[in-house]
């Protein structure tokens, strides 16, 4: 009978150990989930800031283009309203083409796949 009681106490001890480990694991999981949520918020804020800065860079680029165009108009006496001047185009390999069609160094524009 003593062995049965000892075995029962050992089993209870193991159960309590597992329950404690389970509680510790749950607490650790909750901390990790809180950390993950904080990182996601931080990343969302950073992405919003990057988007804002991209817009600023583009507006500065466009303002610089228009400033250069106005100076060229002044110095070379031509009509700035001429439709040939377009900020969305650039000269590439001797041809004027849309900026988005100009390949970036080391990259090629994706081509349509047969499924498209």
Foldseek 3Di string as FASTA:
>chain_A
DVVVVVVVVVVVVVVVVVVVVVVVVVVVVVVVVVVVVVVVVVVVVVVVVVVVVVVVVVVVLVVVLVVVLVVCCVPVVDDSPPPVDDPQWDADPRDIDGPVCDADVPDHDDDDDPVD
